[in-house]
Amino acid sequence: MGRRREIAEALFPGYLFIHLDKIHDNWLPIRSTLGVHRIVRFGEYPTPVADVLIDRIRQRMQRGPAKVPYLKPGEPVKIVEGSFAQVEAIFVADDGEERVMLLMNILGSEHRLSFPVASVRKI
């Protein structure tokens, strides 16, 4: 059975969320800050992120580190729940906090599919 371990990792590595007025505030100091490569934007102005989304990110961060399966890429696994129960696959990577990406052979061709962490066990 797969083991779980706690890890801490950045939810959005390399991103800085700030609240500035897109017309009246000076964006130049941010663009010239060491480590800033670019400002995410569509068109002329930076892309706004809704306050409610920022609040959700903060709430998620307060929950602490995510539990991820103790698996390495290329390891065989078995799906234990759902439509693919008892089907074997290959672990590819973590796919977010509660999901994993698996490589499966379906009807003679390989497919990468995402599954809940809880439905996968190490063989």
PDB file of N, CA and C in Angstrom:
ATOM      1  N   MET A   1       0.834  -1.161   0.000  1.00  0.00           N
ATOM      2  CA  MET A   1       0.000   0.000   0.000  1.00  0.00           C
ATOM      3  C   MET A   1       0.891   1.241   0.000  1.00  0.00           C
ATOM      4  N   GLY A   2       0.473   2.302  -0.702  1.00  0.00           N
ATOM      5  CA  GLY A   2       1.255   3.527  -0.767  1.00  0.00           C
ATOM      6  C   GLY A   2       1.315   4.231   0.572  1.00  0.00           C
ATOM      7  N   ARG A   3       2.460   4.791   0.881  1.00  0.00           N
ATOM      8  CA  ARG A   3       2.617   5.561   2.115  1.00  0.00           C
ATOM      9  C   ARG A   3       2.458   7.035   1.791  1.00  0.00           C
ATOM     10  N   ARG A   4       2.060   7.801   2.784  1.00  0.00           N
ATOM     11  CA  ARG A   4       1.932   9.237   2.602  1.00  0.00           C
ATOM     12  C   ARG A   4       2.962   9.928   3.471  1.00  0.00           C
ATOM     13  N   ARG A   5       3.397  11.066   3.006  1.00  0.00           N
ATOM     14  CA  ARG A   5       4.325  11.872   3.782  1.00  0.00           C
ATOM     15  C   ARG A   5       3.950  13.330   3.579  1.00  0.00           C
ATOM     16  N   GLU A   6       4.335  14.154   4.524  1.00  0.00           N
ATOM     17  CA  GLU A   6       4.028  15.573   4.432  1.00  0.00           C
ATOM     18  C   GLU A   6       5.201  16.307   3.812  1.00  0.00           C
ATOM     19  N   ILE A   7       4.867  17.195   2.865  1.00  0.00           N
ATOM     20  CA  ILE A   7       5.884  18.053   2.272  1.00  0.00           C
ATOM     21  C   ILE A   7       5.331  19.471   2.231  1.00  0.00           C
ATOM     22  N   ALA A   8       6.218  20.422   2.237  1.00  0.00           N
ATOM     23  CA  ALA A   8       5.824  21.822   2.088  1.00  0.00           C
ATOM     24  C   ALA A   8       6.352  22.299   0.745  1.00  0.00           C
ATOM     25  N   GLU A   9       5.475  22.839  -0.057  1.00  0.00           N
ATOM     26  CA  GLU A   9       5.905  23.369  -1.340  1.00  0.00           C
ATOM     27  C   GLU A   9       5.071  24.594  -1.669  1.00  0.00           C
ATOM     28  N   ALA A  10       5.642  25.478  -2.452  1.00  0.00           N
ATOM     29  CA  ALA A  10       4.954  26.707  -2.816  1.00  0.00           C
ATOM     30  C   ALA A  10       3.747  26.390  -3.688  1.00  0.00           C
ATOM     31  N   LEU A  11       2.634  27.029  -3.374  1.00  0.00           N
ATOM     32  CA  LEU A  11       1.427  26.822  -4.171  1.00  0.00           C
ATOM     33  C   LEU A  11       1.575  27.486  -5.546  1.00  0.00           C
ATOM     34  N   PHE A  12       2.159  28.672  -5.561  1.00  0.00           N
ATOM     35  CA  PHE A  12       2.430  29.402  -6.806  1.00  0.00           C
ATOM     36  C   PHE A  12       3.876  29.894  -6.766  1.00  0.00           C
ATOM     37  N   PRO A  13       4.842  29.021  -7.006  1.00  0.00           N
ATOM     38  CA  PRO A  13       6.238  29.433  -6.899  1.00  0.00           C
ATOM     39  C   PRO A  13       6.570  30.543  -7.892  1.00  0.00           C
ATOM     40  N   GLY A  14       7.237  31.571  -7.394  1.00  0.00           N
ATOM     41  CA  GLY A  14       7.665  32.666  -8.260  1.00  0.00           C
ATOM     42  C   GLY A  14       6.611  33.723  -8.517  1.00  0.00           C
ATOM     43  N   TYR A  15       5.409  33.582  -7.943  1.00  0.00           N
ATOM     44  CA  TYR A  15       4.354  34.559  -8.164  1.00  0.00           C
ATOM     45  C   TYR A  15       4.215  35.461  -6.945  1.00  0.00           C
ATOM     46  N   LEU A  16       3.954  36.735  -7.196  1.00  0.00           N
ATOM     47  CA  LEU A  16       3.692  37.710  -6.151  1.00  0.00           C
ATOM     48  C   LEU A  16       2.326  38.321  -6.446  1.00  0.00           C
ATOM     49  N   PHE A  17       1.423  38.236  -5.492  1.00  0.00           N
ATOM     50  CA  PHE A  17       0.097  38.818  -5.647  1.00  0.00           C
ATOM     51  C   PHE A  17       0.072  40.147  -4.907  1.00  0.00           C
ATOM     52  N   ILE A  18      -0.232  41.227  -5.616  1.00  0.00           N
ATOM     53  CA  ILE A  18      -0.289  42.550  -5.002  1.00  0.00           C
ATOM     54  C   ILE A  18      -1.572  43.247  -5.433  1.00  0.00           C
ATOM     55  N   HIS A  19      -1.930  44.280  -4.682  1.00  0.00           N
ATOM     56  CA  HIS A  19      -3.139  45.036  -5.008  1.00  0.00           C
ATOM     57  C   HIS A  19      -2.739  46.466  -5.354  1.00  0.00           C
ATOM     58  N   LEU A  20      -2.761  46.783  -6.634  1.00  0.00           N
ATOM     59  CA  LEU A  20      -2.451  48.125  -7.114  1.00  0.00           C
ATOM     60  C   LEU A  20      -3.508  48.550  -8.126  1.00  0.00           C
ATOM     61  N   ASP A  21      -3.711  49.825  -8.221  1.00  0.00           N
ATOM     62  CA  ASP A  21      -4.623  50.372  -9.229  1.00  0.00           C
ATOM     63  C   ASP A  21      -3.916  50.323 -10.577  1.00  0.00           C
ATOM     64  N   LYS A  22      -4.555  49.738 -11.563  1.00  0.00           N
ATOM     65  CA  LYS A  22      -3.882  49.525 -12.845  1.00  0.00           C
ATOM     66  C   LYS A  22      -3.601  50.807 -13.602  1.00  0.00           C
ATOM     67  N   ILE A  23      -4.261  51.894 -13.262  1.00  0.00           N
ATOM     68  CA  ILE A  23      -4.048  53.146 -13.985  1.00  0.00           C
ATOM     69  C   ILE A  23      -3.230  54.143 -13.158  1.00  0.00           C
ATOM     70  N   HIS A  24      -3.530  54.288 -11.883  1.00  0.00           N
ATOM     71  CA  HIS A  24      -2.924  55.339 -11.074  1.00  0.00           C
ATOM     72  C   HIS A  24      -1.646  54.942 -10.350  1.00  0.00           C
ATOM     73  N   ASP A  25      -1.434  53.679 -10.063  1.00  0.00           N
ATOM     74  CA  ASP A  25      -0.236  53.257  -9.338  1.00  0.00           C
ATOM     75  C   ASP A  25       0.934  53.031 -10.293  1.00  0.00           C
ATOM     76  N   ASN A  26       2.146  53.187  -9.771  1.00  0.00           N
ATOM     77  CA  ASN A  26       3.364  53.036 -10.562  1.00  0.00           C
ATOM     78  C   ASN A  26       3.829  51.575 -10.532  1.00  0.00           C
ATOM     79  N   TRP A  27       3.796  50.917 -11.678  1.00  0.00           N
ATOM     80  CA  TRP A  27       4.194  49.519 -11.798  1.00  0.00           C
ATOM     81  C   TRP A  27       5.695  49.364 -12.057  1.00  0.00           C
ATOM     82  N   LEU A  28       6.371  50.453 -12.389  1.00  0.00           N
ATOM     83  CA  LEU A  28       7.785  50.377 -12.757  1.00  0.00           C
ATOM     84  C   LEU A  28       8.666  49.760 -11.672  1.00  0.00           C
ATOM     85  N   PRO A  29       8.522  50.134 -10.381  1.00  0.00           N
ATOM     86  CA  PRO A  29       9.388  49.505  -9.366  1.00  0.00           C
ATOM     87  C   PRO A  29       9.226  47.981  -9.303  1.00  0.00           C
ATOM     88  N   ILE A  30       8.039  47.495  -9.563  1.00  0.00           N
ATOM     89  CA  ILE A  30       7.811  46.047  -9.526  1.00  0.00           C
ATOM     90  C   ILE A  30       8.502  45.386 -10.710  1.00  0.00           C
ATOM     91  N   ARG A  31       8.341  45.945 -11.888  1.00  0.00           N
ATOM     92  CA  ARG A  31       8.942  45.363 -13.090  1.00  0.00           C
ATOM     93  C   ARG A  31      10.463  45.376 -13.035  1.00  0.00           C
ATOM     94  N   SER A  32      11.043  46.320 -12.283  1.00  0.00           N
ATOM     95  CA  SER A  32      12.504  46.403 -12.220  1.00  0.00           C
ATOM     96  C   SER A  32      13.075  45.741 -10.965  1.00  0.00           C
ATOM     97  N   THR A  33      12.243  45.033 -10.195  1.00  0.00           N
ATOM     98  CA  THR A  33      12.701  44.343  -8.992  1.00  0.00           C
ATOM     99  C   THR A  33      13.462  43.077  -9.379  1.00  0.00           C
ATOM    100  N   LEU A  34      14.588  42.845  -8.698  1.00  0.00           N
ATOM    101  CA  LEU A  34      15.392  41.658  -8.945  1.00  0.00           C
ATOM    102  C   LEU A  34      14.541  40.403  -8.753  1.00  0.00           C
ATOM    103  N   GLY A  35      14.552  39.513  -9.701  1.00  0.00           N
ATOM    104  CA  GLY A  35      13.791  38.268  -9.623  1.00  0.00           C
ATOM    105  C   GLY A  35      12.468  38.316 -10.353  1.00  0.00           C
ATOM    106  N   VAL A  36      11.986  39.506 -10.678  1.00  0.00           N
ATOM    107  CA  VAL A  36      10.723  39.622 -11.415  1.00  0.00           C
ATOM    108  C   VAL A  36      11.042  39.507 -12.900  1.00  0.00           C
ATOM    109  N   HIS A  37      10.456  38.513 -13.518  1.00  0.00           N
ATOM    110  CA  HIS A  37      10.698  38.301 -14.946  1.00  0.00           C
ATOM    111  C   HIS A  37       9.680  39.031 -15.804  1.00  0.00           C
ATOM    112  N   ARG A  38       8.436  38.988 -15.374  1.00  0.00           N
ATOM    113  CA  ARG A  38       7.388  39.689 -16.123  1.00  0.00           C
ATOM    114  C   ARG A  38       6.138  39.756 -15.253  1.00  0.00           C
ATOM    115  N   ILE A  39       5.222  40.589 -15.659  1.00  0.00           N
ATOM    116  CA  ILE A  39       3.930  40.713 -14.987  1.00  0.00           C
ATOM    117  C   ILE A  39       2.910  40.020 -15.866  1.00  0.00           C
ATOM    118  N   VAL A  40       2.125  39.149 -15.273  1.00  0.00           N
ATOM    119  CA  VAL A  40       1.115  38.422 -16.044  1.00  0.00           C
ATOM    120  C   VAL A  40       0.063  39.419 -16.508  1.00  0.00           C
ATOM    121  N   ARG A  41      -0.187  39.424 -17.790  1.00  0.00           N
ATOM    122  CA  ARG A  41      -1.167  40.365 -18.332  1.00  0.00           C
ATOM    123  C   ARG A  41      -1.788  39.841 -19.617  1.00  0.00           C
ATOM    124  N   PHE A  42      -2.944  40.377 -19.896  1.00  0.00           N
ATOM    125  CA  PHE A  42      -3.615  40.162 -21.170  1.00  0.00           C
ATOM    126  C   PHE A  42      -3.834  41.542 -21.743  1.00  0.00           C
ATOM    127  N   GLY A  43      -3.189  41.833 -22.845  1.00  0.00           N
ATOM    128  CA  GLY A  43      -3.291  43.170 -23.418  1.00  0.00           C
ATOM    129  C   GLY A  43      -2.350  44.126 -22.706  1.00  0.00           C
ATOM    130  N   GLU A  44      -2.810  45.350 -22.518  1.00  0.00           N
ATOM    131  CA  GLU A  44      -1.976  46.421 -21.978  1.00  0.00           C
ATOM    132  C   GLU A  44      -1.791  46.391 -20.461  1.00  0.00           C
ATOM    133  N   TYR A  45      -2.787  45.872 -19.731  1.00  0.00           N
ATOM    134  CA  TYR A  45      -2.764  45.951 -18.269  1.00  0.00           C
ATOM    135  C   TYR A  45      -2.571  44.584 -17.622  1.00  0.00           C
ATOM    136  N   PRO A  46      -1.978  44.591 -16.406  1.00  0.00           N
ATOM    137  CA  PRO A  46      -1.828  43.330 -15.657  1.00  0.00           C
ATOM    138  C   PRO A  46      -3.185  42.669 -15.417  1.00  0.00           C
ATOM    139  N   THR A  47      -3.163  41.357 -15.343  1.00  0.00           N
ATOM    140  CA  THR A  47      -4.382  40.583 -15.145  1.00  0.00           C
ATOM    141  C   THR A  47      -4.803  40.638 -13.679  1.00  0.00           C
ATOM    142  N   PRO A  48      -6.029  41.079 -13.418  1.00  0.00           N
ATOM    143  CA  PRO A  48      -6.481  41.116 -12.013  1.00  0.00           C
ATOM    144  C   PRO A  48      -6.853  39.718 -11.528  1.00  0.00           C
ATOM    145  N   VAL A  49      -6.618  39.494 -10.241  1.00  0.00           N
ATOM    146  CA  VAL A  49      -7.034  38.266  -9.585  1.00  0.00           C
ATOM    147  C   VAL A  49      -8.069  38.670  -8.547  1.00  0.00           C
ATOM    148  N   ALA A  50      -9.245  38.055  -8.595  1.00  0.00           N
ATOM    149  CA  ALA A  50     -10.341  38.427  -7.691  1.00  0.00           C
ATOM    150  C   ALA A  50      -9.932  38.233  -6.230  1.00  0.00           C
ATOM    151  N   ASP A  51     -10.366  39.150  -5.380  1.00  0.00           N
ATOM    152  CA  ASP A  51     -10.062  39.066  -3.943  1.00  0.00           C
ATOM    153  C   ASP A  51     -10.536  37.749  -3.344  1.00  0.00           C
ATOM    154  N   VAL A  52     -11.672  37.247  -3.804  1.00  0.00           N
ATOM    155  CA  VAL A  52     -12.200  35.994  -3.265  1.00  0.00           C
ATOM    156  C   VAL A  52     -11.234  34.830  -3.569  1.00  0.00           C
ATOM    157  N   LEU A  53     -10.586  34.868  -4.716  1.00  0.00           N
ATOM    158  CA  LEU A  53      -9.615  33.832  -5.063  1.00  0.00           C
ATOM    159  C   LEU A  53      -8.382  33.929  -4.171  1.00  0.00           C
ATOM    160  N   ILE A  54      -7.922  35.141  -3.907  1.00  0.00           N
ATOM    161  CA  ILE A  54      -6.787  35.330  -3.011  1.00  0.00           C
ATOM    162  C   ILE A  54      -7.135  34.817  -1.610  1.00  0.00           C
ATOM    163  N   ASP A  55      -8.360  35.086  -1.148  1.00  0.00           N
ATOM    164  CA  ASP A  55      -8.800  34.587   0.162  1.00  0.00           C
ATOM    165  C   ASP A  55      -8.784  33.062   0.200  1.00  0.00           C
ATOM    166  N   ARG A  56      -9.215  32.417  -0.883  1.00  0.00           N
ATOM    167  CA  ARG A  56      -9.208  30.950  -0.935  1.00  0.00           C
ATOM    168  C   ARG A  56      -7.785  30.402  -0.896  1.00  0.00           C
ATOM    169  N   ILE A  57      -6.874  31.078  -1.578  1.00  0.00           N
ATOM    170  CA  ILE A  57      -5.470  30.654  -1.553  1.00  0.00           C
ATOM    171  C   ILE A  57      -4.918  30.766  -0.136  1.00  0.00           C
ATOM    172  N   ARG A  58      -5.229  31.859   0.541  1.00  0.00           N
ATOM    173  CA  ARG A  58      -4.774  32.037   1.934  1.00  0.00           C
ATOM    174  C   ARG A  58      -5.338  30.939   2.827  1.00  0.00           C
ATOM    175  N   GLN A  59      -6.610  30.609   2.669  1.00  0.00           N
ATOM    176  CA  GLN A  59      -7.228  29.553   3.479  1.00  0.00           C
ATOM    177  C   GLN A  59      -6.541  28.218   3.239  1.00  0.00           C
ATOM    178  N   ARG A  60      -6.247  27.919   2.001  1.00  0.00           N
ATOM    179  CA  ARG A  60      -5.587  26.656   1.665  1.00  0.00           C
ATOM    180  C   ARG A  60      -4.190  26.596   2.276  1.00  0.00           C
ATOM    181  N   MET A  61      -3.480  27.721   2.266  1.00  0.00           N
ATOM    182  CA  MET A  61      -2.141  27.762   2.836  1.00  0.00           C
ATOM    183  C   MET A  61      -2.173  27.561   4.348  1.00  0.00           C
ATOM    184  N   GLN A  62      -3.213  28.021   5.009  1.00  0.00           N
ATOM    185  CA  GLN A  62      -3.326  27.879   6.454  1.00  0.00           C
ATOM    186  C   GLN A  62      -3.578  26.435   6.880  1.00  0.00           C
ATOM    187  N   ARG A  63      -4.068  25.601   5.975  1.00  0.00           N
ATOM    188  CA  ARG A  63      -4.321  24.190   6.295  1.00  0.00           C
ATOM    189  C   ARG A  63      -3.044  23.403   6.511  1.00  0.00           C
ATOM    190  N   GLY A  64      -1.922  23.937   6.064  1.00  0.00           N
ATOM    191  CA  GLY A  64      -0.652  23.239   6.246  1.00  0.00           C
ATOM    192  C   GLY A  64      -0.253  22.466   5.007  1.00  0.00           C
ATOM    193  N   PRO A  65       0.846  21.716   5.108  1.00  0.00           N
ATOM    194  CA  PRO A  65       1.370  20.998   3.947  1.00  0.00           C
ATOM    195  C   PRO A  65       0.431  19.890   3.471  1.00  0.00           C
ATOM    196  N   ALA A  66       0.471  19.648   2.184  1.00  0.00           N
ATOM    197  CA  ALA A  66      -0.365  18.615   1.578  1.00  0.00           C
ATOM    198  C   ALA A  66       0.244  17.240   1.820  1.00  0.00           C
ATOM    199  N   LYS A  67      -0.599  16.234   1.904  1.00  0.00           N
ATOM    200  CA  LYS A  67      -0.134  14.852   1.995  1.00  0.00           C
ATOM    201  C   LYS A  67      -0.116  14.287   0.573  1.00  0.00           C
ATOM    202  N   VAL A  68       1.031  13.765   0.183  1.00  0.00           N
ATOM    203  CA  VAL A  68       1.175  13.231  -1.166  1.00  0.00           C
ATOM    204  C   VAL A  68       1.615  11.775  -1.080  1.00  0.00           C
ATOM    205  N   PRO A  69       1.337  10.997  -2.106  1.00  0.00           N
ATOM    206  CA  PRO A  69       1.725   9.586  -2.058  1.00  0.00           C
ATOM    207  C   PRO A  69       3.244   9.426  -2.105  1.00  0.00           C
ATOM    208  N   TYR A  70       3.705   8.394  -1.459  1.00  0.00           N
ATOM    209  CA  TYR A  70       5.127   8.110  -1.478  1.00  0.00           C
ATOM    210  C   TYR A  70       5.427   7.261  -2.708  1.00  0.00           C
ATOM    211  N   LEU A  71       5.430   7.906  -3.848  1.00  0.00           N
ATOM    212  CA  LEU A  71       5.655   7.224  -5.115  1.00  0.00           C
ATOM    213  C   LEU A  71       6.714   7.969  -5.911  1.00  0.00           C
ATOM    214  N   LYS A  72       7.403   7.225  -6.752  1.00  0.00           N
ATOM    215  CA  LYS A  72       8.397   7.805  -7.640  1.00  0.00           C
ATOM    216  C   LYS A  72       7.932   7.593  -9.079  1.00  0.00           C
ATOM    217  N   PRO A  73       8.251   8.542  -9.973  1.00  0.00           N
ATOM    218  CA  PRO A  73       7.864   8.365 -11.375  1.00  0.00           C
ATOM    219  C   PRO A  73       8.361   7.024 -11.916  1.00  0.00           C
ATOM    220  N   GLY A  74       7.478   6.334 -12.632  1.00  0.00           N
ATOM    221  CA  GLY A  74       7.806   5.039 -13.220  1.00  0.00           C
ATOM    222  C   GLY A  74       7.384   3.847 -12.386  1.00  0.00           C
ATOM    223  N   GLU A  75       6.976   4.066 -11.130  1.00  0.00           N
ATOM    224  CA  GLU A  75       6.567   2.961 -10.267  1.00  0.00           C
ATOM    225  C   GLU A  75       5.182   2.447 -10.654  1.00  0.00           C
ATOM    226  N   PRO A  76       4.989   1.118 -10.601  1.00  0.00           N
ATOM    227  CA  PRO A  76       3.670   0.560 -10.896  1.00  0.00           C
ATOM    228  C   PRO A  76       2.714   0.790  -9.725  1.00  0.00           C
ATOM    229  N   VAL A  77       1.468   1.072 -10.059  1.00  0.00           N
ATOM    230  CA  VAL A  77       0.426   1.279  -9.050  1.00  0.00           C
ATOM    231  C   VAL A  77      -0.830   0.534  -9.483  1.00  0.00           C
ATOM    232  N   LYS A  78      -1.744   0.391  -8.544  1.00  0.00           N
ATOM    233  CA  LYS A  78      -3.043  -0.209  -8.843  1.00  0.00           C
ATOM    234  C   LYS A  78      -4.106   0.777  -8.404  1.00  0.00           C
ATOM    235  N   ILE A  79      -5.106   0.945  -9.245  1.00  0.00           N
ATOM    236  CA  ILE A  79      -6.241   1.799  -8.910  1.00  0.00           C
ATOM    237  C   ILE A  79      -7.202   0.939  -8.094  1.00  0.00           C
ATOM    238  N   VAL A  80      -7.648   1.446  -6.943  1.00  0.00           N
ATOM    239  CA  VAL A  80      -8.440   0.628  -6.033  1.00  0.00           C
ATOM    240  C   VAL A  80      -9.889   1.080  -5.909  1.00  0.00           C
ATOM    241  N   GLU A  81     -10.265   2.162  -6.554  1.00  0.00           N
ATOM    242  CA  GLU A  81     -11.638   2.676  -6.473  1.00  0.00           C
ATOM    243  C   GLU A  81     -12.094   3.167  -7.836  1.00  0.00           C
ATOM    244  N   GLY A  82     -13.390   3.253  -7.992  1.00  0.00           N
ATOM    245  CA  GLY A  82     -13.964   3.853  -9.191  1.00  0.00           C
ATOM    246  C   GLY A  82     -14.031   2.920 -10.379  1.00  0.00           C
ATOM    247  N   SER A  83     -14.250   3.496 -11.547  1.00  0.00           N
ATOM    248  CA  SER A  83     -14.436   2.737 -12.787  1.00  0.00           C
ATOM    249  C   SER A  83     -13.219   1.914 -13.187  1.00  0.00           C
ATOM    250  N   PHE A  84     -12.034   2.365 -12.778  1.00  0.00           N
ATOM    251  CA  PHE A  84     -10.805   1.668 -13.149  1.00  0.00           C
ATOM    252  C   PHE A  84     -10.270   0.791 -12.015  1.00  0.00           C
ATOM    253  N   ALA A  85     -11.105   0.467 -11.034  1.00  0.00           N
ATOM    254  CA  ALA A  85     -10.669  -0.352  -9.899  1.00  0.00           C
ATOM    255  C   ALA A  85     -10.024  -1.643 -10.398  1.00  0.00           C
ATOM    256  N   GLN A  86      -8.907  -2.006  -9.779  1.00  0.00           N
ATOM    257  CA  GLN A  86      -8.100  -3.191 -10.055  1.00  0.00           C
ATOM    258  C   GLN A  86      -7.251  -3.076 -11.323  1.00  0.00           C
ATOM    259  N   VAL A  87      -7.265  -1.939 -11.993  1.00  0.00           N
ATOM    260  CA  VAL A  87      -6.440  -1.733 -13.183  1.00  0.00           C
ATOM    261  C   VAL A  87      -5.070  -1.230 -12.741  1.00  0.00           C
ATOM    262  N   GLU A  88      -4.021  -1.769 -13.371  1.00  0.00           N
ATOM    263  CA  GLU A  88      -2.666  -1.333 -13.060  1.00  0.00           C
ATOM    264  C   GLU A  88      -2.270  -0.200 -13.988  1.00  0.00           C
ATOM    265  N   ALA A  89      -1.396   0.684 -13.483  1.00  0.00           N
ATOM    266  CA  ALA A  89      -0.922   1.838 -14.242  1.00  0.00           C
ATOM    267  C   ALA A  89       0.487   2.181 -13.779  1.00  0.00           C
ATOM    268  N   ILE A  90       1.057   3.208 -14.352  1.00  0.00           N
ATOM    269  CA  ILE A  90       2.389   3.690 -13.991  1.00  0.00           C
ATOM    270  C   ILE A  90       2.238   5.101 -13.434  1.00  0.00           C
ATOM    271  N   PHE A  91       2.836   5.329 -12.252  1.00  0.00           N
ATOM    272  CA  PHE A  91       2.815   6.664 -11.658  1.00  0.00           C
ATOM    273  C   PHE A  91       3.706   7.585 -12.481  1.00  0.00           C
ATOM    274  N   VAL A  92       3.160   8.758 -12.860  1.00  0.00           N
ATOM    275  CA  VAL A  92       3.919   9.738 -13.633  1.00  0.00           C
ATOM    276  C   VAL A  92       4.357  10.896 -12.745  1.00  0.00           C
ATOM    277  N   ALA A  93       3.390  11.519 -12.040  1.00  0.00           N
ATOM    278  CA  ALA A  93       3.717  12.688 -11.217  1.00  0.00           C
ATOM    279  C   ALA A  93       2.533  13.054 -10.337  1.00  0.00           C
ATOM    280  N   ASP A  94       2.799  13.920  -9.362  1.00  0.00           N
ATOM    281  CA  ASP A  94       1.712  14.501  -8.585  1.00  0.00           C
ATOM    282  C   ASP A  94       0.984  15.486  -9.493  1.00  0.00           C
ATOM    283  N   ASP A  95      -0.302  15.555  -9.332  1.00  0.00           N
ATOM    284  CA  ASP A  95      -1.130  16.440 -10.157  1.00  0.00           C
ATOM    285  C   ASP A  95      -1.953  17.326  -9.232  1.00  0.00           C
ATOM    286  N   GLY A  96      -1.280  18.139  -8.471  1.00  0.00           N
ATOM    287  CA  GLY A  96      -1.970  18.984  -7.510  1.00  0.00           C
ATOM    288  C   GLY A  96      -1.945  18.366  -6.135  1.00  0.00           C
ATOM    289  N   GLU A  97      -2.715  18.939  -5.234  1.00  0.00           N
ATOM    290  CA  GLU A  97      -2.681  18.553  -3.829  1.00  0.00           C
ATOM    291  C   GLU A  97      -3.292  17.180  -3.573  1.00  0.00           C
ATOM    292  N   GLU A  98      -4.355  16.838  -4.246  1.00  0.00           N
ATOM    293  CA  GLU A  98      -5.084  15.603  -3.941  1.00  0.00           C
ATOM    294  C   GLU A  98      -5.189  14.641  -5.123  1.00  0.00           C
ATOM    295  N   ARG A  99      -4.371  14.851  -6.167  1.00  0.00           N
ATOM    296  CA  ARG A  99      -4.481  14.014  -7.359  1.00  0.00           C
ATOM    297  C   ARG A  99      -3.095  13.582  -7.841  1.00  0.00           C
ATOM    298  N   VAL A 100      -3.067  12.505  -8.607  1.00  0.00           N
ATOM    299  CA  VAL A 100      -1.839  12.022  -9.233  1.00  0.00           C
ATOM    300  C   VAL A 100      -2.098  11.771 -10.709  1.00  0.00           C
ATOM    301  N   MET A 101      -1.031  11.875 -11.500  1.00  0.00           N
ATOM    302  CA  MET A 101      -1.114  11.606 -12.931  1.00  0.00           C
ATOM    303  C   MET A 101      -0.576  10.204 -13.175  1.00  0.00           C
ATOM    304  N   LEU A 102      -1.359   9.378 -13.863  1.00  0.00           N
ATOM    305  CA  LEU A 102      -0.972   7.999 -14.155  1.00  0.00           C
ATOM    306  C   LEU A 102      -0.930   7.771 -15.654  1.00  0.00           C
ATOM    307  N   LEU A 103      -0.050   6.867 -16.071  1.00  0.00           N
ATOM    308  CA  LEU A 103       0.039   6.446 -17.464  1.00  0.00           C
ATOM    309  C   LEU A 103      -0.654   5.093 -17.567  1.00  0.00           C
ATOM    310  N   MET A 104      -1.675   5.023 -18.430  1.00  0.00           N
ATOM    311  CA  MET A 104      -2.453   3.790 -18.565  1.00  0.00           C
ATOM    312  C   MET A 104      -2.501   3.357 -20.021  1.00  0.00           C
ATOM    313  N   ASN A 105      -2.562   2.038 -20.217  1.00  0.00           N
ATOM    314  CA  ASN A 105      -2.740   1.495 -21.554  1.00  0.00           C
ATOM    315  C   ASN A 105      -4.229   1.181 -21.714  1.00  0.00           C
ATOM    316  N   ILE A 106      -4.887   1.939 -22.577  1.00  0.00           N
ATOM    317  CA  ILE A 106      -6.320   1.756 -22.816  1.00  0.00           C
ATOM    318  C   ILE A 106      -6.526   1.476 -24.297  1.00  0.00           C
ATOM    319  N   LEU A 107      -7.066   0.312 -24.583  1.00  0.00           N
ATOM    320  CA  LEU A 107      -7.337  -0.106 -25.961  1.00  0.00           C
ATOM    321  C   LEU A 107      -6.118   0.030 -26.865  1.00  0.00           C
ATOM    322  N   GLY A 108      -4.968  -0.368 -26.341  1.00  0.00           N
ATOM    323  CA  GLY A 108      -3.760  -0.415 -27.153  1.00  0.00           C
ATOM    324  C   GLY A 108      -2.999   0.890 -27.277  1.00  0.00           C
ATOM    325  N   SER A 109      -3.428   1.955 -26.624  1.00  0.00           N
ATOM    326  CA  SER A 109      -2.636   3.183 -26.675  1.00  0.00           C
ATOM    327  C   SER A 109      -2.493   3.770 -25.276  1.00  0.00           C
ATOM    328  N   GLU A 110      -1.400   4.480 -25.081  1.00  0.00           N
ATOM    329  CA  GLU A 110      -1.103   5.027 -23.765  1.00  0.00           C
ATOM    330  C   GLU A 110      -1.801   6.369 -23.563  1.00  0.00           C
ATOM    331  N   HIS A 111      -2.348   6.540 -22.353  1.00  0.00           N
ATOM    332  CA  HIS A 111      -3.044   7.779 -21.998  1.00  0.00           C
ATOM    333  C   HIS A 111      -2.594   8.223 -20.618  1.00  0.00           C
ATOM    334  N   ARG A 112      -2.445   9.524 -20.436  1.00  0.00           N
ATOM    335  CA  ARG A 112      -2.159  10.093 -19.115  1.00  0.00           C
ATOM    336  C   ARG A 112      -3.480  10.563 -18.536  1.00  0.00           C
ATOM    337  N   LEU A 113      -3.813  10.035 -17.366  1.00  0.00           N
ATOM    338  CA  LEU A 113      -5.069  10.387 -16.707  1.00  0.00           C
ATOM    339  C   LEU A 113      -4.803  10.788 -15.265  1.00  0.00           C
ATOM    340  N   SER A 114      -5.617  11.680 -14.760  1.00  0.00           N
ATOM    341  CA  SER A 114      -5.498  12.158 -13.392  1.00  0.00           C
ATOM    342  C   SER A 114      -6.483  11.409 -12.499  1.00  0.00           C
ATOM    343  N   PHE A 115      -5.998  10.978 -11.304  1.00  0.00           N
ATOM    344  CA  PHE A 115      -6.826  10.231 -10.355  1.00  0.00           C
ATOM    345  C   PHE A 115      -6.662  10.811  -8.956  1.00  0.00           C
ATOM    346  N   PRO A 116      -7.666  10.642  -8.111  1.00  0.00           N
ATOM    347  CA  PRO A 116      -7.511  11.056  -6.711  1.00  0.00           C
ATOM    348  C   PRO A 116      -6.423  10.225  -6.038  1.00  0.00           C
ATOM    349  N   VAL A 117      -5.633  10.850  -5.196  1.00  0.00           N
ATOM    350  CA  VAL A 117      -4.569  10.169  -4.463  1.00  0.00           C
ATOM    351  C   VAL A 117      -5.118   8.958  -3.708  1.00  0.00           C
ATOM    352  N   ALA A 118      -6.270   9.121  -3.099  1.00  0.00           N
ATOM    353  CA  ALA A 118      -6.853   8.054  -2.266  1.00  0.00           C
ATOM    354  C   ALA A 118      -7.205   6.813  -3.056  1.00  0.00           C
ATOM    355  N   SER A 119      -7.324   6.905  -4.372  1.00  0.00           N
ATOM    356  CA  SER A 119      -7.740   5.741  -5.163  1.00  0.00           C
ATOM    357  C   SER A 119      -6.570   4.960  -5.741  1.00  0.00           C
ATOM    358  N   VAL A 120      -5.341   5.304  -5.363  1.00  0.00           N
ATOM    359  CA  VAL A 120      -4.154   4.674  -5.947  1.00  0.00           C
ATOM    360  C   VAL A 120      -3.296   4.042  -4.856  1.00  0.00           C
ATOM    361  N   ARG A 121      -2.815   2.821  -5.107  1.00  0.00           N
ATOM    362  CA  ARG A 121      -1.930   2.124  -4.171  1.00  0.00           C
ATOM    363  C   ARG A 121      -0.692   1.642  -4.909  1.00  0.00           C
ATOM    364  N   LYS A 122       0.430   1.707  -4.231  1.00  0.00           N
ATOM    365  CA  LYS A 122       1.683   1.194  -4.758  1.00  0.00           C
ATOM    366  C   LYS A 122       1.611  -0.324  -4.819  1.00  0.00           C
ATOM    367  N   ILE A 123       2.118  -0.901  -5.890  1.00  0.00           N
ATOM    368  CA  ILE A 123       2.118  -2.362  -6.025  1.00  0.00           C
ATOM    369  C   ILE A 123       3.378  -2.919  -5.387  1.00  0.00           C
TER     370      ILE A 123
END
